[in-house]
Every structure is written in structure tokens, then in C-alpha cells.
Amino acid sequence: MKCAKDDNYPHMKEFIGLIEELILSIEISSHNGEAVGFQNLYFPNHPIFSYLAGDTKDTIMFNVKRGTRRDKLTSLFETYDELKEEI
């Protein structure tokens, strides 16, 4: 079976590269008391993200609470004013 990495499909390699530039993803871990599950969320790589300074991105990555989904969303919303001002 052929795959996109094969030399017979050079256009697929370009296509996959383009998709990787246009789509971002995060992995969310959830614990329901019995098992830990992981879910990948995909979203468009909007050009507005390029306006954020590296320090701001780091602040979000390291300061967002990750205990529960609700904690994560709440702490992300707490950064809204800072993000809006910077953009």
C-alpha cells in the first residue's frame, strides 16, 4: 500500500505541508474518575495569532489552569483583555 510519503505522490507531501501550516491543534487530557482520555482539538491558524508576542504566548501556556475543562476555559477567558489589547 502506498502512502503520502512515497515519491509517487509528491503533490500529497505539498498538500500535507499546507494543511499543517493552516491548522493548529492542542491535545486535551481528561480524567473522568476511571480513565484518562486524550482528545485532539483542531482549529484554523488565523493570521491574528502571529501578532502575539512570544512572552504572551508563553504566559498563556504556563499560566492557564488545566485541572478541568472548565478551569482551562475560565483561565483562558481571564487573559482576553490582555490578548485584545496586544492584538
N, C-alpha and C. Protein backbone atom coordinates (compact mmCIF):
# COMPACT_ATOMS: atom_id res chain seq x y z
N MET A 1 0.84 -1.17 0.00
CA MET A 1 0.00 0.00 0.00
C MET A 1 0.89 1.24 0.00
N LYS A 2 0.57 2.19 -0.83
CA LYS A 2 1.32 3.44 -0.94
C LYS A 2 0.83 4.42 0.11
N CYS A 3 1.71 5.29 0.54
CA CYS A 3 1.31 6.34 1.46
C CYS A 3 1.77 7.68 0.91
N ALA A 4 1.37 8.77 1.55
CA ALA A 4 1.67 10.12 1.07
C ALA A 4 3.16 10.40 1.05
N LYS A 5 3.95 9.66 1.81
CA LYS A 5 5.39 9.90 1.85
C LYS A 5 6.11 9.31 0.65
N ASP A 6 5.43 8.43 -0.09
CA ASP A 6 6.05 7.81 -1.25
C ASP A 6 6.35 8.84 -2.32
N ASP A 7 7.41 8.59 -3.08
CA ASP A 7 7.81 9.50 -4.15
C ASP A 7 6.78 9.59 -5.27
N ASN A 8 5.90 8.62 -5.36
CA ASN A 8 4.88 8.63 -6.41
C ASN A 8 3.78 9.65 -6.16
N TYR A 9 3.77 10.27 -4.98
CA TYR A 9 2.72 11.22 -4.63
C TYR A 9 3.33 12.53 -4.12
N PRO A 10 4.15 13.22 -4.93
CA PRO A 10 4.79 14.45 -4.45
C PRO A 10 3.78 15.55 -4.12
N HIS A 11 2.66 15.58 -4.82
CA HIS A 11 1.64 16.60 -4.55
C HIS A 11 1.02 16.41 -3.16
N MET A 12 0.96 15.17 -2.69
CA MET A 12 0.40 14.92 -1.37
C MET A 12 1.30 15.50 -0.28
N LYS A 13 2.60 15.42 -0.47
CA LYS A 13 3.54 15.98 0.50
C LYS A 13 3.35 17.49 0.61
N GLU A 14 3.16 18.15 -0.53
CA GLU A 14 2.90 19.59 -0.54
C GLU A 14 1.57 19.90 0.15
N PHE A 15 0.56 19.10 -0.16
CA PHE A 15 -0.76 19.29 0.43
C PHE A 15 -0.71 19.15 1.94
N ILE A 16 -0.04 18.12 2.43
CA ILE A 16 0.06 17.91 3.87
C ILE A 16 0.82 19.06 4.53
N GLY A 17 1.88 19.55 3.88
CA GLY A 17 2.62 20.70 4.40
C GLY A 17 1.74 21.93 4.51
N LEU A 18 0.91 22.16 3.50
CA LEU A 18 -0.01 23.31 3.51
C LEU A 18 -1.03 23.18 4.64
N ILE A 19 -1.60 22.00 4.79
CA ILE A 19 -2.58 21.77 5.85
C ILE A 19 -1.94 22.00 7.22
N GLU A 20 -0.70 21.53 7.40
CA GLU A 20 -0.03 21.71 8.69
C GLU A 20 0.21 23.19 8.99
N GLU A 21 0.36 24.03 7.97
CA GLU A 21 0.52 25.47 8.18
C GLU A 21 -0.80 26.15 8.51
N LEU A 22 -1.89 25.63 7.99
CA LEU A 22 -3.19 26.28 8.14
C LEU A 22 -3.98 25.83 9.35
N ILE A 23 -3.59 24.71 9.96
CA ILE A 23 -4.35 24.16 11.08
C ILE A 23 -3.45 24.00 12.29
N LEU A 24 -3.94 24.44 13.43
CA LEU A 24 -3.26 24.25 14.70
C LEU A 24 -4.03 23.21 15.50
N SER A 25 -3.37 22.61 16.48
CA SER A 25 -4.08 21.65 17.31
C SER A 25 -3.54 21.70 18.74
N ILE A 26 -4.39 21.30 19.64
CA ILE A 26 -4.00 21.12 21.04
C ILE A 26 -4.53 19.76 21.48
N GLU A 27 -3.86 19.19 22.45
CA GLU A 27 -4.30 17.92 23.00
C GLU A 27 -4.83 18.18 24.40
N ILE A 28 -6.04 17.73 24.65
CA ILE A 28 -6.67 17.92 25.94
C ILE A 28 -6.75 16.57 26.65
N SER A 29 -6.31 16.57 27.88
CA SER A 29 -6.38 15.36 28.70
C SER A 29 -7.57 15.50 29.63
N SER A 30 -8.34 14.44 29.76
CA SER A 30 -9.46 14.47 30.69
C SER A 30 -9.43 13.22 31.56
N HIS A 31 -9.83 13.41 32.77
CA HIS A 31 -9.87 12.30 33.72
C HIS A 31 -11.28 12.24 34.28
N ASN A 32 -11.98 11.18 33.98
CA ASN A 32 -13.37 11.06 34.42
C ASN A 32 -13.53 10.22 35.69
N GLY A 33 -12.44 9.99 36.41
CA GLY A 33 -12.51 9.19 37.62
C GLY A 33 -12.16 7.73 37.38
N GLU A 34 -12.26 7.28 36.17
CA GLU A 34 -11.95 5.89 35.85
C GLU A 34 -10.74 5.77 34.93
N ALA A 35 -10.71 6.61 33.92
CA ALA A 35 -9.63 6.50 32.93
C ALA A 35 -9.25 7.89 32.44
N VAL A 36 -8.05 7.99 31.97
CA VAL A 36 -7.59 9.24 31.39
C VAL A 36 -7.75 9.13 29.88
N GLY A 37 -8.37 10.13 29.30
CA GLY A 37 -8.55 10.14 27.86
C GLY A 37 -7.91 11.37 27.26
N PHE A 38 -7.55 11.28 26.00
CA PHE A 38 -6.96 12.40 25.30
C PHE A 38 -7.80 12.72 24.08
N GLN A 39 -7.93 14.00 23.82
CA GLN A 39 -8.71 14.44 22.68
C GLN A 39 -7.91 15.53 21.96
N ASN A 40 -7.78 15.42 20.66
CA ASN A 40 -7.13 16.46 19.87
C ASN A 40 -8.18 17.41 19.35
N LEU A 41 -7.95 18.69 19.55
CA LEU A 41 -8.83 19.72 19.00
C LEU A 41 -8.07 20.45 17.92
N TYR A 42 -8.70 20.65 16.79
CA TYR A 42 -8.08 21.33 15.67
C TYR A 42 -8.81 22.63 15.40
N PHE A 43 -8.07 23.66 15.03
CA PHE A 43 -8.68 24.94 14.73
C PHE A 43 -7.80 25.67 13.72
N PRO A 44 -8.38 26.63 13.00
CA PRO A 44 -7.61 27.31 11.96
C PRO A 44 -6.49 28.17 12.55
N ASN A 45 -5.38 28.20 11.85
CA ASN A 45 -4.25 29.04 12.24
C ASN A 45 -4.51 30.43 11.68
N HIS A 46 -5.27 31.20 12.41
CA HIS A 46 -5.65 32.53 11.97
C HIS A 46 -4.44 33.45 12.00
N PRO A 47 -4.27 34.30 10.99
CA PRO A 47 -3.10 35.19 10.95
C PRO A 47 -2.98 36.09 12.19
N ILE A 48 -4.06 36.29 12.89
CA ILE A 48 -4.01 37.17 14.06
C ILE A 48 -3.09 36.62 15.15
N PHE A 49 -2.91 35.28 15.16
CA PHE A 49 -2.02 34.69 16.17
C PHE A 49 -0.59 35.16 16.01
N SER A 50 -0.21 35.55 14.81
CA SER A 50 1.16 36.00 14.58
C SER A 50 1.44 37.35 15.25
N TYR A 51 0.40 38.08 15.65
CA TYR A 51 0.58 39.37 16.31
C TYR A 51 0.91 39.24 17.79
N LEU A 52 0.73 38.06 18.35
CA LEU A 52 1.03 37.86 19.76
C LEU A 52 2.52 37.72 19.98
N ALA A 53 3.03 38.41 20.98
CA ALA A 53 4.44 38.31 21.32
C ALA A 53 4.73 36.94 21.93
N GLY A 54 5.96 36.50 21.80
CA GLY A 54 6.36 35.22 22.37
C GLY A 54 6.12 35.15 23.86
N ASP A 55 6.35 36.26 24.56
CA ASP A 55 6.12 36.30 26.01
C ASP A 55 4.65 36.06 26.33
N THR A 56 3.77 36.64 25.53
CA THR A 56 2.34 36.47 25.76
C THR A 56 1.94 35.01 25.55
N LYS A 57 2.45 34.41 24.49
CA LYS A 57 2.16 33.00 24.23
C LYS A 57 2.66 32.13 25.37
N ASP A 58 3.87 32.44 25.86
CA ASP A 58 4.43 31.67 26.98
C ASP A 58 3.59 31.84 28.24
N THR A 59 3.14 33.07 28.50
CA THR A 59 2.31 33.34 29.67
C THR A 59 1.05 32.50 29.62
N ILE A 60 0.43 32.44 28.46
CA ILE A 60 -0.79 31.64 28.32
C ILE A 60 -0.47 30.16 28.53
N MET A 61 0.59 29.68 27.91
CA MET A 61 0.93 28.26 28.02
C MET A 61 1.22 27.84 29.46
N PHE A 62 1.91 28.70 30.21
CA PHE A 62 2.34 28.31 31.55
C PHE A 62 1.38 28.71 32.66
N ASN A 63 0.49 29.67 32.41
CA ASN A 63 -0.38 30.16 33.48
C ASN A 63 -1.82 29.69 33.39
N VAL A 64 -2.21 29.12 32.28
CA VAL A 64 -3.58 28.63 32.15
C VAL A 64 -3.74 27.40 33.04
N LYS A 65 -4.77 27.44 33.87
CA LYS A 65 -5.05 26.31 34.76
C LYS A 65 -5.58 25.15 33.92
N ARG A 66 -5.15 23.97 34.24
CA ARG A 66 -5.51 22.82 33.42
C ARG A 66 -6.17 21.70 34.22
N GLY A 67 -6.68 22.02 35.40
CA GLY A 67 -7.29 21.00 36.24
C GLY A 67 -8.49 20.34 35.61
N THR A 68 -9.40 21.14 35.10
CA THR A 68 -10.60 20.63 34.42
C THR A 68 -10.80 21.45 33.15
N ARG A 69 -11.71 21.00 32.32
CA ARG A 69 -12.01 21.79 31.11
C ARG A 69 -12.54 23.16 31.48
N ARG A 70 -13.36 23.19 32.53
CA ARG A 70 -13.93 24.47 32.97
C ARG A 70 -12.82 25.40 33.44
N ASP A 71 -11.87 24.87 34.23
CA ASP A 71 -10.74 25.68 34.69
C ASP A 71 -9.96 26.26 33.50
N LYS A 72 -9.75 25.41 32.51
CA LYS A 72 -8.98 25.85 31.34
C LYS A 72 -9.71 26.98 30.61
N LEU A 73 -10.99 26.79 30.35
CA LEU A 73 -11.75 27.84 29.65
C LEU A 73 -11.82 29.12 30.46
N THR A 74 -12.06 28.99 31.75
CA THR A 74 -12.15 30.17 32.61
C THR A 74 -10.85 30.95 32.62
N SER A 75 -9.74 30.25 32.77
CA SER A 75 -8.47 30.97 32.82
C SER A 75 -8.08 31.52 31.45
N LEU A 76 -8.50 30.88 30.38
CA LEU A 76 -8.26 31.45 29.05
C LEU A 76 -9.06 32.74 28.88
N PHE A 77 -10.30 32.74 29.33
CA PHE A 77 -11.12 33.95 29.23
C PHE A 77 -10.56 35.08 30.09
N GLU A 78 -9.87 34.75 31.17
CA GLU A 78 -9.26 35.77 32.01
C GLU A 78 -8.14 36.53 31.29
N THR A 79 -7.56 35.92 30.27
CA THR A 79 -6.49 36.57 29.51
C THR A 79 -7.04 37.38 28.34
N TYR A 80 -8.34 37.39 28.15
CA TYR A 80 -8.94 38.04 26.98
C TYR A 80 -8.56 39.50 26.85
N ASP A 81 -8.66 40.28 27.91
CA ASP A 81 -8.37 41.71 27.83
C ASP A 81 -6.91 41.95 27.41
N GLU A 82 -6.00 41.18 27.98
CA GLU A 82 -4.59 41.31 27.63
C GLU A 82 -4.36 40.97 26.17
N LEU A 83 -4.98 39.90 25.71
CA LEU A 83 -4.83 39.50 24.32
C LEU A 83 -5.43 40.53 23.37
N LYS A 84 -6.60 41.01 23.70
CA LYS A 84 -7.27 42.01 22.87
C LYS A 84 -6.42 43.26 22.74
N GLU A 85 -5.85 43.72 23.85
CA GLU A 85 -5.02 44.91 23.84
C GLU A 85 -3.77 44.72 22.99
N GLU A 86 -3.16 43.57 23.09
CA GLU A 86 -1.93 43.32 22.34
C GLU A 86 -2.18 43.21 20.84
N ILE A 87 -3.29 42.59 20.49
CA ILE A 87 -3.59 42.40 19.07
C ILE A 87 -4.02 43.73 18.47
